[in-house]
Amino acid sequence: QVHLVESGGDLVQSGGSLRLSCVVSGNTLDAADIGWFRQAPGREREGVSCVSNSDKSSYYADSVKGRFTISTDNTKNTVYLQMTNLKPEDTAIYYCATDDGVPCWAATIKAELSPSAWGYWGQGTQVTVSS
């Protein structure tokens, strides 16, 4: 059974940085796509970034390009989301997800990271950016 656990969320001032972690069990990262998503109060869940561990291609939403970086440590079965220059609009619950298919590859083709294509989810970690 696939299980994902996020951590690293915190309260940070605008312009600050955070690194989120997602530990994956029940699957191996070298064969799985991993994605990061977020959901702000009153808004739909949206895609932030993903990495295809088959070919290492990655995708970033326009809103985070140049500020967020996704990386993996296959020895620890952990995916990271390094977030810099944080803005109040980045405030949300951040979730990591994986799937048996290749949804990140699809995202790079479609230029869209849709939550509906991902089957396994963590419980989320809260990121709050104060102005």
C-alpha atoms as a PDB file:
ATOM      1  CA  GLN A   1       0.000   0.000   0.000  1.00  0.00           C
ATOM      2  CA  VAL A   2       1.338   3.406  -0.989  1.00  0.00           C
ATOM      3  CA  HIS A   3       1.696   5.911   1.826  1.00  0.00           C
ATOM      4  CA  LEU A   4       2.916   9.520   1.643  1.00  0.00           C
ATOM      5  CA  VAL A   5       3.777  11.788   4.570  1.00  0.00           C
ATOM      6  CA  GLU A   6       4.517  15.484   4.125  1.00  0.00           C
ATOM      7  CA  SER A   7       6.383  17.694   6.573  1.00  0.00           C
ATOM      8  CA  GLY A   8       8.158  21.036   6.709  1.00  0.00           C
ATOM      9  CA  GLY A   9       5.245  23.422   6.588  1.00  0.00           C
ATOM     10  CA  ASP A  10       5.522  26.497   8.789  1.00  0.00           C
ATOM     11  CA  LEU A  11       4.723  30.173   9.226  1.00  0.00           C
ATOM     12  CA  VAL A  12       7.231  32.309   7.352  1.00  0.00           C
ATOM     13  CA  GLN A  13       7.524  35.957   6.394  1.00  0.00           C
ATOM     14  CA  SER A  14       7.169  37.145   2.830  1.00  0.00           C
ATOM     15  CA  GLY A  15      10.471  36.678   0.989  1.00  0.00           C
ATOM     16  CA  GLY A  16      11.443  33.743   3.174  1.00  0.00           C
ATOM     17  CA  SER A  17      12.169  30.120   2.304  1.00  0.00           C
ATOM     18  CA  LEU A  18      10.935  26.682   3.305  1.00  0.00           C
ATOM     19  CA  ARG A  19      11.726  23.126   2.294  1.00  0.00           C
ATOM     20  CA  LEU A  20       8.903  20.623   2.269  1.00  0.00           C
ATOM     21  CA  SER A  21       9.568  16.894   2.437  1.00  0.00           C
ATOM     22  CA  CYS A  22       7.456  13.971   1.300  1.00  0.00           C
ATOM     23  CA  VAL A  23       8.414  10.466   2.401  1.00  0.00           C
ATOM     24  CA  VAL A  24       6.970   7.766   0.178  1.00  0.00           C
ATOM     25  CA  SER A  25       6.493   4.164   1.251  1.00  0.00           C
ATOM     26  CA  GLY A  26       5.037   1.240  -0.636  1.00  0.00           C
ATOM     27  CA  ASN A  27       6.543   2.460  -3.892  1.00  0.00           C
ATOM     28  CA  THR A  28      10.006   3.254  -5.157  1.00  0.00           C
ATOM     29  CA  LEU A  29      10.769   6.743  -6.363  1.00  0.00           C
ATOM     30  CA  ASP A  30      12.941   5.600  -9.231  1.00  0.00           C
ATOM     31  CA  ALA A  31       9.837   4.215 -10.903  1.00  0.00           C
ATOM     32  CA  ALA A  32       7.190   6.709  -9.808  1.00  0.00           C
ATOM     33  CA  ASP A  33       6.046  10.179 -10.714  1.00  0.00           C
ATOM     34  CA  ILE A  34       5.697  12.490  -7.705  1.00  0.00           C
ATOM     35  CA  GLY A  35       3.770  15.717  -7.616  1.00  0.00           C
ATOM     36  CA  TRP A  36       3.254  18.654  -5.271  1.00  0.00           C
ATOM     37  CA  PHE A  37      -0.104  20.370  -5.071  1.00  0.00           C
ATOM     38  CA  ARG A  38      -1.629  23.050  -2.878  1.00  0.00           C
ATOM     39  CA  GLN A  39      -5.038  24.171  -1.769  1.00  0.00           C
ATOM     40  CA  ALA A  40      -5.796  27.571  -0.327  1.00  0.00           C
ATOM     41  CA  PRO A  41      -9.002  28.235   1.667  1.00  0.00           C
ATOM     42  CA  GLY A  42     -11.982  28.543  -0.633  1.00  0.00           C
ATOM     43  CA  ARG A  43     -10.006  27.523  -3.708  1.00  0.00           C
ATOM     44  CA  GLU A  44      -9.590  24.352  -5.703  1.00  0.00           C
ATOM     45  CA  ARG A  45      -6.520  22.208  -5.347  1.00  0.00           C
ATOM     46  CA  GLU A  46      -3.910  23.196  -7.911  1.00  0.00           C
ATOM     47  CA  GLY A  47      -0.743  21.658  -9.270  1.00  0.00           C
ATOM     48  CA  VAL A  48       2.569  23.190  -8.209  1.00  0.00           C
ATOM     49  CA  SER A  49       5.296  20.904  -9.510  1.00  0.00           C
ATOM     50  CA  CYS A  50       6.056  17.319 -10.389  1.00  0.00           C
ATOM     51  CA  VAL A  51       8.945  15.113 -11.358  1.00  0.00           C
ATOM     52  CA  SER A  52       8.969  12.081 -13.568  1.00  0.00           C
ATOM     53  CA  ASN A  53      11.410   9.676 -11.989  1.00  0.00           C
ATOM     54  CA  SER A  54      11.641   7.636 -15.177  1.00  0.00           C
ATOM     55  CA  ASP A  55      13.318  10.384 -17.203  1.00  0.00           C
ATOM     56  CA  LYS A  56      13.785  13.060 -14.497  1.00  0.00           C
ATOM     57  CA  SER A  57      11.708  15.600 -16.420  1.00  0.00           C
ATOM     58  CA  SER A  58       9.939  18.129 -14.246  1.00  0.00           C
ATOM     59  CA  TYR A  59       7.056  20.559 -14.472  1.00  0.00           C
ATOM     60  CA  TYR A  60       6.390  23.824 -12.651  1.00  0.00           C
ATOM     61  CA  ALA A  61       3.297  25.943 -12.565  1.00  0.00           C
ATOM     62  CA  ASP A  62       3.911  29.438 -13.926  1.00  0.00           C
ATOM     63  CA  SER A  63       3.185  30.930 -10.518  1.00  0.00           C
ATOM     64  CA  VAL A  64       6.181  29.184  -8.934  1.00  0.00           C
ATOM     65  CA  LYS A  65       8.712  29.017 -11.773  1.00  0.00           C
ATOM     66  CA  GLY A  66      12.071  30.373 -10.705  1.00  0.00           C
ATOM     67  CA  ARG A  67      11.115  30.221  -7.007  1.00  0.00           C
ATOM     68  CA  PHE A  68      10.367  26.547  -6.281  1.00  0.00           C
ATOM     69  CA  THR A  69      12.549  23.527  -7.000  1.00  0.00           C
ATOM     70  CA  ILE A  70      11.536  19.885  -6.827  1.00  0.00           C
ATOM     71  CA  SER A  71      14.151  17.230  -6.095  1.00  0.00           C
ATOM     72  CA  THR A  72      14.317  13.614  -5.053  1.00  0.00           C
ATOM     73  CA  ASP A  73      16.536  11.470  -2.854  1.00  0.00           C
ATOM     74  CA  ASN A  74      15.872   7.915  -3.936  1.00  0.00           C
ATOM     75  CA  THR A  75      18.050   6.525  -1.115  1.00  0.00           C
ATOM     76  CA  LYS A  76      15.593   8.030   1.368  1.00  0.00           C
ATOM     77  CA  ASN A  77      12.481   7.609  -0.809  1.00  0.00           C
ATOM     78  CA  THR A  78      11.905  11.313  -0.215  1.00  0.00           C
ATOM     79  CA  VAL A  79      10.833  14.148  -2.489  1.00  0.00           C
ATOM     80  CA  TYR A  80      11.549  17.761  -1.585  1.00  0.00           C
ATOM     81  CA  LEU A  81      10.021  21.051  -2.602  1.00  0.00           C
ATOM     82  CA  GLN A  82      12.419  23.916  -1.965  1.00  0.00           C
ATOM     83  CA  MET A  83      10.456  27.154  -1.871  1.00  0.00           C
ATOM     84  CA  THR A  84      12.177  30.533  -1.987  1.00  0.00           C
ATOM     85  CA  ASN A  85      10.998  34.125  -2.204  1.00  0.00           C
ATOM     86  CA  LEU A  86       7.684  33.072  -0.705  1.00  0.00           C
ATOM     87  CA  LYS A  87       4.665  35.320  -1.174  1.00  0.00           C
ATOM     88  CA  PRO A  88       1.421  35.599   0.813  1.00  0.00           C
ATOM     89  CA  GLU A  89      -0.398  34.018  -2.137  1.00  0.00           C
ATOM     90  CA  ASP A  90       1.656  30.858  -1.595  1.00  0.00           C
ATOM     91  CA  THR A  91      -0.271  30.297   1.636  1.00  0.00           C
ATOM     92  CA  ALA A  92      -2.009  26.927   1.391  1.00  0.00           C
ATOM     93  CA  ILE A  93      -1.991  23.330   2.502  1.00  0.00           C
ATOM     94  CA  TYR A  94       0.626  21.543   0.414  1.00  0.00           C
ATOM     95  CA  TYR A  95       0.128  17.932  -0.597  1.00  0.00           C
ATOM     96  CA  CYS A  96       2.357  15.413  -2.319  1.00  0.00           C
ATOM     97  CA  ALA A  97       0.940  12.719  -4.531  1.00  0.00           C
ATOM     98  CA  THR A  98       1.946   9.776  -6.649  1.00  0.00           C
ATOM     99  CA  ASP A  99       0.284   7.377  -9.043  1.00  0.00           C
ATOM    100  CA  ASP A 100       0.739   4.045 -10.760  1.00  0.00           C
ATOM    101  CA  GLY A 101       0.743   5.797 -14.128  1.00  0.00           C
ATOM    102  CA  VAL A 102       2.857   8.628 -15.562  1.00  0.00           C
ATOM    103  CA  PRO A 103       0.855  11.763 -14.757  1.00  0.00           C
ATOM    104  CA  CYS A 104       3.920  14.013 -14.619  1.00  0.00           C
ATOM    105  CA  TRP A 105       4.926  13.009 -18.119  1.00  0.00           C
ATOM    106  CA  ALA A 106       1.375  13.854 -19.180  1.00  0.00           C
ATOM    107  CA  ALA A 107       1.611  17.200 -17.398  1.00  0.00           C
ATOM    108  CA  THR A 108       4.750  18.164 -19.299  1.00  0.00           C
ATOM    109  CA  ILE A 109       2.997  17.343 -22.572  1.00  0.00           C
ATOM    110  CA  LYS A 110      -0.231  19.164 -21.741  1.00  0.00           C
ATOM    111  CA  ALA A 111       1.454  21.998 -19.810  1.00  0.00           C
ATOM    112  CA  GLU A 112      -1.076  21.390 -17.075  1.00  0.00           C
ATOM    113  CA  LEU A 113      -0.725  19.605 -13.739  1.00  0.00           C
ATOM    114  CA  SER A 114      -4.156  18.276 -12.855  1.00  0.00           C
ATOM    115  CA  PRO A 115      -4.880  16.781  -9.410  1.00  0.00           C
ATOM    116  CA  SER A 116      -7.420  14.402 -10.957  1.00  0.00           C
ATOM    117  CA  ALA A 117      -4.673  12.328 -12.590  1.00  0.00           C
ATOM    118  CA  TRP A 118      -3.087  11.333  -9.282  1.00  0.00           C
ATOM    119  CA  GLY A 119      -4.311   8.444  -7.167  1.00  0.00           C
ATOM    120  CA  TYR A 120      -2.338   8.477  -3.906  1.00  0.00           C
ATOM    121  CA  TRP A 121      -2.163  11.470  -1.591  1.00  0.00           C
ATOM    122  CA  GLY A 122      -0.560  12.523   1.657  1.00  0.00           C
ATOM    123  CA  GLN A 123      -2.362  14.333   4.458  1.00  0.00           C
ATOM    124  CA  GLY A 124      -0.840  17.744   3.691  1.00  0.00           C
ATOM    125  CA  THR A 125       1.313  20.294   5.485  1.00  0.00           C
ATOM    126  CA  GLN A 126       0.340  23.911   6.155  1.00  0.00           C
ATOM    127  CA  VAL A 127       2.411  26.746   4.706  1.00  0.00           C
ATOM    128  CA  THR A 128       1.532  30.257   5.832  1.00  0.00           C
ATOM    129  CA  VAL A 129       3.306  33.304   4.440  1.00  0.00           C
ATOM    130  CA  SER A 130       2.772  36.552   6.292  1.00  0.00           C
ATOM    131  CA  SER A 131       3.072  39.915   4.560  1.00  0.00           C
END
